[in-house]
Amino acid sequence: MGEVCKHIEAIQEVKVADELVCEDCRKVDGWWVHLRTCQTCGATLCCDSSPAKHMTRHFHRTGHPVASSAEPGENWLWCYVDEVFVESSNG
């Protein structure tokens, strides 16, 4: 419970796409369960419950540490490095 994300400073103001889709799944005619948005570059990609796990792949490829839920009504962040959820104070 006392764990804290040490990567909050990596969070940028990102613009979420108007149409919520996994950018990488769309390229290969794939499908997703839930979407996440990278808080460093704004990429919207699928979660680990999705077959391709594109957001986790994005983290490993780029090192961008924090993603948020892109699902309506959800307001949380996940830090891949520290492996902790962080409550978002936005929206």
PDB file of N, CA and C in Angstrom:
ATOM      1  N   MET A   1       0.809  -1.202   0.000  1.00  0.00           N
ATOM      2  CA  MET A   1       0.000   0.000   0.000  1.00  0.00           C
ATOM      3  C   MET A   1       0.850   1.262   0.000  1.00  0.00           C
ATOM      4  N   GLY A   2       2.011   1.230   0.638  1.00  0.00           N
ATOM      5  CA  GLY A   2       2.840   2.405   0.737  1.00  0.00           C
ATOM      6  C   GLY A   2       3.711   2.648  -0.489  1.00  0.00           C
ATOM      7  N   GLU A   3       3.583   1.823  -1.523  1.00  0.00           N
ATOM      8  CA  GLU A   3       4.418   1.984  -2.702  1.00  0.00           C
ATOM      9  C   GLU A   3       4.003   3.225  -3.481  1.00  0.00           C
ATOM     10  N   VAL A   4       5.022   3.908  -4.025  1.00  0.00           N
ATOM     11  CA  VAL A   4       4.786   5.140  -4.755  1.00  0.00           C
ATOM     12  C   VAL A   4       5.477   5.042  -6.107  1.00  0.00           C
ATOM     13  N   CYS A   5       4.835   5.547  -7.127  1.00  0.00           N
ATOM     14  CA  CYS A   5       5.428   5.607  -8.455  1.00  0.00           C
ATOM     15  C   CYS A   5       6.493   6.694  -8.463  1.00  0.00           C
ATOM     16  N   LYS A   6       7.691   6.312  -8.871  1.00  0.00           N
ATOM     17  CA  LYS A   6       8.796   7.261  -8.931  1.00  0.00           C
ATOM     18  C   LYS A   6       8.894   7.907 -10.312  1.00  0.00           C
ATOM     19  N   HIS A   7       7.919   7.648 -11.175  1.00  0.00           N
ATOM     20  CA  HIS A   7       8.006   8.097 -12.560  1.00  0.00           C
ATOM     21  C   HIS A   7       6.944   9.119 -12.934  1.00  0.00           C
ATOM     22  N   ILE A   8       6.324   9.704 -11.931  1.00  0.00           N
ATOM     23  CA  ILE A   8       5.286  10.700 -12.177  1.00  0.00           C
ATOM     24  C   ILE A   8       5.824  11.832 -13.050  1.00  0.00           C
ATOM     25  N   GLU A   9       7.110  12.164 -12.891  1.00  0.00           N
ATOM     26  CA  GLU A   9       7.678  13.258 -13.686  1.00  0.00           C
ATOM     27  C   GLU A   9       7.698  12.936 -15.180  1.00  0.00           C
ATOM     28  N   ALA A  10       7.547  11.667 -15.567  1.00  0.00           N
ATOM     29  CA  ALA A  10       7.514  11.282 -16.983  1.00  0.00           C
ATOM     30  C   ALA A  10       6.159  11.588 -17.620  1.00  0.00           C
ATOM     31  N   ILE A  11       5.169  11.875 -16.794  1.00  0.00           N
ATOM     32  CA  ILE A  11       3.828  12.126 -17.311  1.00  0.00           C
ATOM     33  C   ILE A  11       3.798  13.479 -18.010  1.00  0.00           C
ATOM     34  N   GLN A  12       3.282  13.478 -19.211  1.00  0.00           N
ATOM     35  CA  GLN A  12       3.131  14.682 -20.013  1.00  0.00           C
ATOM     36  C   GLN A  12       1.637  14.962 -20.206  1.00  0.00           C
ATOM     37  N   GLU A  13       1.312  16.156 -20.644  1.00  0.00           N
ATOM     38  CA  GLU A  13      -0.062  16.419 -21.035  1.00  0.00           C
ATOM     39  C   GLU A  13      -0.231  15.811 -22.418  1.00  0.00           C
ATOM     40  N   VAL A  14      -1.017  14.764 -22.516  1.00  0.00           N
ATOM     41  CA  VAL A  14      -1.178  14.056 -23.786  1.00  0.00           C
ATOM     42  C   VAL A  14      -2.585  14.250 -24.316  1.00  0.00           C
ATOM     43  N   LYS A  15      -2.701  14.278 -25.626  1.00  0.00           N
ATOM     44  CA  LYS A  15      -4.005  14.387 -26.271  1.00  0.00           C
ATOM     45  C   LYS A  15      -4.492  12.982 -26.601  1.00  0.00           C
ATOM     46  N   VAL A  16      -5.659  12.645 -26.126  1.00  0.00           N
ATOM     47  CA  VAL A  16      -6.259  11.349 -26.411  1.00  0.00           C
ATOM     48  C   VAL A  16      -6.977  11.448 -27.748  1.00  0.00           C
ATOM     49  N   ALA A  17      -6.824  10.431 -28.561  1.00  0.00           N
ATOM     50  CA  ALA A  17      -7.456  10.409 -29.879  1.00  0.00           C
ATOM     51  C   ALA A  17      -8.974  10.527 -29.748  1.00  0.00           C
ATOM     52  N   ASP A  18      -9.594  11.146 -30.738  1.00  0.00           N
ATOM     53  CA  ASP A  18     -11.054  11.271 -30.736  1.00  0.00           C
ATOM     54  C   ASP A  18     -11.719   9.911 -30.840  1.00  0.00           C
ATOM     55  N   GLU A  19     -11.160   9.038 -31.666  1.00  0.00           N
ATOM     56  CA  GLU A  19     -11.684   7.685 -31.824  1.00  0.00           C
ATOM     57  C   GLU A  19     -10.808   6.743 -31.009  1.00  0.00           C
ATOM     58  N   LEU A  20     -11.389   6.089 -29.996  1.00  0.00           N
ATOM     59  CA  LEU A  20     -10.612   5.214 -29.142  1.00  0.00           C
ATOM     60  C   LEU A  20     -10.465   3.833 -29.777  1.00  0.00           C
ATOM     61  N   VAL A  21      -9.269   3.579 -30.294  1.00  0.00           N
ATOM     62  CA  VAL A  21      -8.923   2.287 -30.893  1.00  0.00           C
ATOM     63  C   VAL A  21      -7.482   1.972 -30.516  1.00  0.00           C
ATOM     64  N   CYS A  22      -7.122   0.700 -30.545  1.00  0.00           N
ATOM     65  CA  CYS A  22      -5.722   0.335 -30.398  1.00  0.00           C
ATOM     66  C   CYS A  22      -5.053   0.602 -31.748  1.00  0.00           C
ATOM     67  N   GLU A  23      -4.134   1.553 -31.752  1.00  0.00           N
ATOM     68  CA  GLU A  23      -3.467   1.949 -32.986  1.00  0.00           C
ATOM     69  C   GLU A  23      -2.771   0.765 -33.669  1.00  0.00           C
ATOM     70  N   ASP A  24      -2.128  -0.099 -32.880  1.00  0.00           N
ATOM     71  CA  ASP A  24      -1.391  -1.230 -33.452  1.00  0.00           C
ATOM     72  C   ASP A  24      -2.313  -2.372 -33.879  1.00  0.00           C
ATOM     73  N   CYS A  25      -3.366  -2.660 -33.111  1.00  0.00           N
ATOM     74  CA  CYS A  25      -4.326  -3.699 -33.513  1.00  0.00           C
ATOM     75  C   CYS A  25      -4.993  -3.326 -34.833  1.00  0.00           C
ATOM     76  N   ARG A  26      -5.327  -2.055 -34.965  1.00  0.00           N
ATOM     77  CA  ARG A  26      -5.996  -1.596 -36.182  1.00  0.00           C
ATOM     78  C   ARG A  26      -5.126  -1.863 -37.413  1.00  0.00           C
ATOM     79  N   LYS A  27      -3.813  -1.721 -37.280  1.00  0.00           N
ATOM     80  CA  LYS A  27      -2.887  -1.934 -38.402  1.00  0.00           C
ATOM     81  C   LYS A  27      -2.870  -3.382 -38.869  1.00  0.00           C
ATOM     82  N   VAL A  28      -3.142  -4.327 -37.960  1.00  0.00           N
ATOM     83  CA  VAL A  28      -3.047  -5.751 -38.300  1.00  0.00           C
ATOM     84  C   VAL A  28      -4.393  -6.468 -38.215  1.00  0.00           C
ATOM     85  N   ASP A  29      -5.482  -5.688 -38.196  1.00  0.00           N
ATOM     86  CA  ASP A  29      -6.831  -6.246 -38.102  1.00  0.00           C
ATOM     87  C   ASP A  29      -7.012  -7.092 -36.842  1.00  0.00           C
ATOM     88  N   GLY A  30      -6.396  -6.637 -35.746  1.00  0.00           N
ATOM     89  CA  GLY A  30      -6.517  -7.327 -34.469  1.00  0.00           C
ATOM     90  C   GLY A  30      -7.693  -6.802 -33.669  1.00  0.00           C
ATOM     91  N   TRP A  31      -7.813  -7.260 -32.430  1.00  0.00           N
ATOM     92  CA  TRP A  31      -8.897  -6.809 -31.555  1.00  0.00           C
ATOM     93  C   TRP A  31      -8.353  -6.613 -30.150  1.00  0.00           C
ATOM     94  N   TRP A  32      -9.084  -5.856 -29.346  1.00  0.00           N
ATOM     95  CA  TRP A  32      -8.638  -5.527 -27.996  1.00  0.00           C
ATOM     96  C   TRP A  32      -9.784  -5.650 -27.020  1.00  0.00           C
ATOM     97  N   VAL A  33      -9.411  -5.748 -25.731  1.00  0.00           N
ATOM     98  CA  VAL A  33     -10.384  -5.821 -24.638  1.00  0.00           C
ATOM     99  C   VAL A  33     -10.569  -4.429 -24.029  1.00  0.00           C
ATOM    100  N   HIS A  34      -9.472  -3.815 -23.604  1.00  0.00           N
ATOM    101  CA  HIS A  34      -9.479  -2.471 -23.013  1.00  0.00           C
ATOM    102  C   HIS A  34      -8.318  -1.674 -23.596  1.00  0.00           C
ATOM    103  N   LEU A  35      -8.407  -0.369 -23.470  1.00  0.00           N
ATOM    104  CA  LEU A  35      -7.374   0.500 -24.028  1.00  0.00           C
ATOM    105  C   LEU A  35      -6.652   1.276 -22.934  1.00  0.00           C
ATOM    106  N   ARG A  36      -5.375   1.558 -23.198  1.00  0.00           N
ATOM    107  CA  ARG A  36      -4.526   2.338 -22.306  1.00  0.00           C
ATOM    108  C   ARG A  36      -3.863   3.446 -23.123  1.00  0.00           C
ATOM    109  N   THR A  37      -3.552   4.564 -22.467  1.00  0.00           N
ATOM    110  CA  THR A  37      -2.888   5.674 -23.141  1.00  0.00           C
ATOM    111  C   THR A  37      -1.551   5.946 -22.467  1.00  0.00           C
ATOM    112  N   CYS A  38      -0.494   5.963 -23.263  1.00  0.00           N
ATOM    113  CA  CYS A  38       0.847   6.272 -22.766  1.00  0.00           C
ATOM    114  C   CYS A  38       0.865   7.722 -22.296  1.00  0.00           C
ATOM    115  N   GLN A  39       1.355   7.941 -21.090  1.00  0.00           N
ATOM    116  CA  GLN A  39       1.375   9.289 -20.528  1.00  0.00           C
ATOM    117  C   GLN A  39       2.650  10.056 -20.875  1.00  0.00           C
ATOM    118  N   THR A  40       3.488   9.471 -21.724  1.00  0.00           N
ATOM    119  CA  THR A  40       4.661  10.174 -22.223  1.00  0.00           C
ATOM    120  C   THR A  40       4.420  10.669 -23.642  1.00  0.00           C
ATOM    121  N   CYS A  41       3.861   9.804 -24.506  1.00  0.00           N
ATOM    122  CA  CYS A  41       3.722  10.179 -25.916  1.00  0.00           C
ATOM    123  C   CYS A  41       2.280  10.215 -26.423  1.00  0.00           C
ATOM    124  N   GLY A  42       1.319   9.696 -25.650  1.00  0.00           N
ATOM    125  CA  GLY A  42      -0.081   9.751 -26.042  1.00  0.00           C
ATOM    126  C   GLY A  42      -0.570   8.584 -26.880  1.00  0.00           C
ATOM    127  N   ALA A  43       0.272   7.583 -27.147  1.00  0.00           N
ATOM    128  CA  ALA A  43      -0.168   6.417 -27.918  1.00  0.00           C
ATOM    129  C   ALA A  43      -1.278   5.693 -27.166  1.00  0.00           C
ATOM    130  N   THR A  44      -2.332   5.311 -27.878  1.00  0.00           N
ATOM    131  CA  THR A  44      -3.415   4.535 -27.290  1.00  0.00           C
ATOM    132  C   THR A  44      -3.319   3.117 -27.831  1.00  0.00           C
ATOM    133  N   LEU A  45      -3.147   2.163 -26.918  1.00  0.00           N
ATOM    134  CA  LEU A  45      -2.895   0.771 -27.281  1.00  0.00           C
ATOM    135  C   LEU A  45      -3.645  -0.159 -26.339  1.00  0.00           C
ATOM    136  N   CYS A  46      -3.662  -1.446 -26.680  1.00  0.00           N
ATOM    137  CA  CYS A  46      -4.459  -2.411 -25.918  1.00  0.00           C
ATOM    138  C   CYS A  46      -3.752  -2.902 -24.645  1.00  0.00           C
ATOM    139  N   CYS A  47      -4.568  -3.368 -23.715  1.00  0.00           N
ATOM    140  CA  CYS A  47      -4.113  -3.808 -22.399  1.00  0.00           C
ATOM    141  C   CYS A  47      -3.613  -5.256 -22.428  1.00  0.00           C
ATOM    142  N   ASP A  48      -3.157  -5.727 -21.280  1.00  0.00           N
ATOM    143  CA  ASP A  48      -2.640  -7.091 -21.175  1.00  0.00           C
ATOM    144  C   ASP A  48      -3.718  -8.166 -21.226  1.00  0.00           C
ATOM    145  N   SER A  49      -4.988  -7.807 -21.114  1.00  0.00           N
ATOM    146  CA  SER A  49      -6.069  -8.780 -21.301  1.00  0.00           C
ATOM    147  C   SER A  49      -6.347  -9.012 -22.782  1.00  0.00           C
ATOM    148  N   SER A  50      -5.797  -8.162 -23.621  1.00  0.00           N
ATOM    149  CA  SER A  50      -5.939  -8.273 -25.073  1.00  0.00           C
ATOM    150  C   SER A  50      -4.859  -9.212 -25.610  1.00  0.00           C
ATOM    151  N   PRO A  51      -5.135  -9.906 -26.723  1.00  0.00           N
ATOM    152  CA  PRO A  51      -4.175 -10.883 -27.239  1.00  0.00           C
ATOM    153  C   PRO A  51      -2.770 -10.326 -27.507  1.00  0.00           C
ATOM    154  N   ALA A  52      -2.666  -9.118 -28.047  1.00  0.00           N
ATOM    155  CA  ALA A  52      -1.360  -8.608 -28.462  1.00  0.00           C
ATOM    156  C   ALA A  52      -0.614  -7.824 -27.374  1.00  0.00           C
ATOM    157  N   LYS A  53      -1.310  -7.384 -26.334  1.00  0.00           N
ATOM    158  CA  LYS A  53      -0.680  -6.653 -25.228  1.00  0.00           C
ATOM    159  C   LYS A  53       0.204  -5.504 -25.728  1.00  0.00           C
ATOM    160  N   HIS A  54      -0.346  -4.693 -26.625  1.00  0.00           N
ATOM    161  CA  HIS A  54       0.459  -3.667 -27.271  1.00  0.00           C
ATOM    162  C   HIS A  54       1.005  -2.598 -26.324  1.00  0.00           C
ATOM    163  N   MET A  55       0.268  -2.223 -25.259  1.00  0.00           N
ATOM    164  CA  MET A  55       0.808  -1.186 -24.362  1.00  0.00           C
ATOM    165  C   MET A  55       2.036  -1.691 -23.625  1.00  0.00           C
ATOM    166  N   THR A  56       2.023  -2.935 -23.189  1.00  0.00           N
ATOM    167  CA  THR A  56       3.207  -3.482 -22.528  1.00  0.00           C
ATOM    168  C   THR A  56       4.370  -3.565 -23.513  1.00  0.00           C
ATOM    169  N   ARG A  57       4.103  -3.947 -24.741  1.00  0.00           N
ATOM    170  CA  ARG A  57       5.147  -3.966 -25.770  1.00  0.00           C
ATOM    171  C   ARG A  57       5.707  -2.562 -25.990  1.00  0.00           C
ATOM    172  N   HIS A  58       4.825  -1.571 -25.994  1.00  0.00           N
ATOM    173  CA  HIS A  58       5.237  -0.180 -26.151  1.00  0.00           C
ATOM    174  C   HIS A  58       6.196   0.217 -25.024  1.00  0.00           C
ATOM    175  N   PHE A  59       5.855  -0.142 -23.792  1.00  0.00           N
ATOM    176  CA  PHE A  59       6.730   0.161 -22.650  1.00  0.00           C
ATOM    177  C   PHE A  59       8.108  -0.467 -22.853  1.00  0.00           C
ATOM    178  N   HIS A  60       8.146  -1.744 -23.231  1.00  0.00           N
ATOM    179  CA  HIS A  60       9.437  -2.415 -23.408  1.00  0.00           C
ATOM    180  C   HIS A  60      10.243  -1.805 -24.557  1.00  0.00           C
ATOM    181  N   ARG A  61       9.561  -1.363 -25.587  1.00  0.00           N
ATOM    182  CA  ARG A  61      10.235  -0.782 -26.751  1.00  0.00           C
ATOM    183  C   ARG A  61      10.731   0.641 -26.474  1.00  0.00           C
ATOM    184  N   THR A  62       9.941   1.450 -25.755  1.00  0.00           N
ATOM    185  CA  THR A  62      10.245   2.869 -25.593  1.00  0.00           C
ATOM    186  C   THR A  62      10.775   3.253 -24.213  1.00  0.00           C
ATOM    187  N   GLY A  63      10.426   2.453 -23.206  1.00  0.00           N
ATOM    188  CA  GLY A  63      10.780   2.823 -21.841  1.00  0.00           C
ATOM    189  C   GLY A  63       9.826   3.835 -21.221  1.00  0.00           C
ATOM    190  N   HIS A  64       8.749   4.188 -21.924  1.00  0.00           N
ATOM    191  CA  HIS A  64       7.757   5.119 -21.365  1.00  0.00           C
ATOM    192  C   HIS A  64       7.069   4.421 -20.201  1.00  0.00           C
ATOM    193  N   PRO A  65       7.218   4.922 -18.986  1.00  0.00           N
ATOM    194  CA  PRO A  65       6.861   4.147 -17.801  1.00  0.00           C
ATOM    195  C   PRO A  65       5.402   4.133 -17.366  1.00  0.00           C
ATOM    196  N   VAL A  66       4.613   5.158 -17.718  1.00  0.00           N
ATOM    197  CA  VAL A  66       3.272   5.288 -17.136  1.00  0.00           C
ATOM    198  C   VAL A  66       2.198   5.300 -18.220  1.00  0.00           C
ATOM    199  N   ALA A  67       1.148   4.504 -17.993  1.00  0.00           N
ATOM    200  CA  ALA A  67      -0.013   4.480 -18.885  1.00  0.00           C
ATOM    201  C   ALA A  67      -1.258   4.713 -18.047  1.00  0.00           C
ATOM    202  N   SER A  68      -2.270   5.297 -18.676  1.00  0.00           N
ATOM    203  CA  SER A  68      -3.551   5.490 -18.001  1.00  0.00           C
ATOM    204  C   SER A  68      -4.594   4.626 -18.689  1.00  0.00           C
ATOM    205  N   SER A  69      -5.680   4.392 -17.984  1.00  0.00           N
ATOM    206  CA  SER A  69      -6.814   3.741 -18.625  1.00  0.00           C
ATOM    207  C   SER A  69      -7.435   4.733 -19.599  1.00  0.00           C
ATOM    208  N   ALA A  70      -7.781   4.254 -20.781  1.00  0.00           N
ATOM    209  CA  ALA A  70      -8.488   5.094 -21.750  1.00  0.00           C
ATOM    210  C   ALA A  70      -9.976   4.776 -21.743  1.00  0.00           C
ATOM    211  N   GLU A  71     -10.400   3.946 -20.800  1.00  0.00           N
ATOM    212  CA  GLU A  71     -11.793   3.541 -20.710  1.00  0.00           C
ATOM    213  C   GLU A  71     -12.621   4.634 -20.044  1.00  0.00           C
ATOM    214  N   PRO A  72     -13.800   4.942 -20.596  1.00  0.00           N
ATOM    215  CA  PRO A  72     -14.674   5.960 -19.994  1.00  0.00           C
ATOM    216  C   PRO A  72     -14.980   5.630 -18.532  1.00  0.00           C
ATOM    217  N   GLY A  73     -14.870   6.634 -17.682  1.00  0.00           N
ATOM    218  CA  GLY A  73     -15.190   6.477 -16.265  1.00  0.00           C
ATOM    219  C   GLY A  73     -14.051   5.942 -15.413  1.00  0.00           C
ATOM    220  N   GLU A  74     -12.962   5.515 -16.022  1.00  0.00           N
ATOM    221  CA  GLU A  74     -11.812   5.027 -15.256  1.00  0.00           C
ATOM    222  C   GLU A  74     -10.770   6.130 -15.166  1.00  0.00           C
ATOM    223  N   ASN A  75     -10.220   6.308 -13.975  1.00  0.00           N
ATOM    224  CA  ASN A  75      -9.305   7.415 -13.733  1.00  0.00           C
ATOM    225  C   ASN A  75      -8.105   6.935 -12.920  1.00  0.00           C
ATOM    226  N   TRP A  76      -7.278   6.076 -13.541  1.00  0.00           N
ATOM    227  CA  TRP A  76      -6.107   5.559 -12.856  1.00  0.00           C
ATOM    228  C   TRP A  76      -4.923   5.463 -13.804  1.00  0.00           C
ATOM    229  N   LEU A  77      -3.747   5.348 -13.211  1.00  0.00           N
ATOM    230  CA  LEU A  77      -2.491   5.212 -13.944  1.00  0.00           C
ATOM    231  C   LEU A  77      -1.802   3.925 -13.499  1.00  0.00           C
ATOM    232  N   TRP A  78      -1.000   3.345 -14.386  1.00  0.00           N
ATOM    233  CA  TRP A  78      -0.190   2.175 -14.047  1.00  0.00           C
ATOM    234  C   TRP A  78       1.258   2.499 -14.382  1.00  0.00           C
ATOM    235  N   CYS A  79       2.149   2.292 -13.421  1.00  0.00           N
ATOM    236  CA  CYS A  79       3.576   2.477 -13.654  1.00  0.00           C
ATOM    237  C   CYS A  79       4.182   1.108 -13.915  1.00  0.00           C
ATOM    238  N   TYR A  80       4.682   0.902 -15.135  1.00  0.00           N
ATOM    239  CA  TYR A  80       5.290  -0.379 -15.505  1.00  0.00           C
ATOM    240  C   TYR A  80       6.582  -0.634 -14.750  1.00  0.00           C
ATOM    241  N   VAL A  81       7.348   0.390 -14.454  1.00  0.00           N
ATOM    242  CA  VAL A  81       8.631   0.213 -13.788  1.00  0.00           C
ATOM    243  C   VAL A  81       8.438  -0.188 -12.333  1.00  0.00           C
ATOM    244  N   ASP A  82       7.617   0.570 -11.609  1.00  0.00           N
ATOM    245  CA  ASP A  82       7.395   0.310 -10.186  1.00  0.00           C
ATOM    246  C   ASP A  82       6.301  -0.718  -9.942  1.00  0.00           C
ATOM    247  N   GLU A  83       5.568  -1.069 -11.002  1.00  0.00           N
ATOM    248  CA  GLU A  83       4.467  -2.029 -10.923  1.00  0.00           C
ATOM    249  C   GLU A  83       3.449  -1.656  -9.844  1.00  0.00           C
ATOM    250  N   VAL A  84       2.986  -0.394  -9.923  1.00  0.00           N
ATOM    251  CA  VAL A  84       1.980   0.098  -8.974  1.00  0.00           C
ATOM    252  C   VAL A  84       0.928   0.907  -9.717  1.00  0.00           C
ATOM    253  N   PHE A  85      -0.293   0.885  -9.185  1.00  0.00           N
ATOM    254  CA  PHE A  85      -1.366   1.757  -9.646  1.00  0.00           C
ATOM    255  C   PHE A  85      -1.232   3.084  -8.926  1.00  0.00           C
ATOM    256  N   VAL A  86      -1.540   4.154  -9.647  1.00  0.00           N
ATOM    257  CA  VAL A  86      -1.518   5.497  -9.073  1.00  0.00           C
ATOM    258  C   VAL A  86      -2.855   6.128  -9.412  1.00  0.00           C
ATOM    259  N   GLU A  87      -3.499   6.701  -8.400  1.00  0.00           N
ATOM    260  CA  GLU A  87      -4.764   7.403  -8.662  1.00  0.00           C
ATOM    261  C   GLU A  87      -4.466   8.676  -9.399  1.00  0.00           C
ATOM    262  N   SER A  88      -5.235   8.934 -10.443  1.00  0.00           N
ATOM    263  CA  SER A  88      -5.082  10.174 -11.192  1.00  0.00           C
ATOM    264  C   SER A  88      -5.906  11.256 -10.552  1.00  0.00           C
ATOM    265  N   SER A  89      -5.340  12.452 -10.475  1.00  0.00           N
ATOM    266  CA  SER A  89      -6.092  13.569  -9.897  1.00  0.00           C
ATOM    267  C   SER A  89      -6.812  14.351 -10.994  1.00  0.00           C
ATOM    268  N   ASN A  90      -6.646  13.969 -12.261  1.00  0.00           N
ATOM    269  CA  ASN A  90      -7.306  14.656 -13.372  1.00  0.00           C
ATOM    270  C   ASN A  90      -8.702  14.096 -13.583  1.00  0.00           C
ATOM    271  N   GLY A  91      -9.564  14.933 -14.187  1.00  0.00           N
ATOM    272  CA  GLY A  91     -10.862  14.532 -14.699  1.00  0.00           C
ATOM    273  C   GLY A  91     -11.687  13.784 -13.779  1.00  0.00           C
TER     274      GLY A  91
END
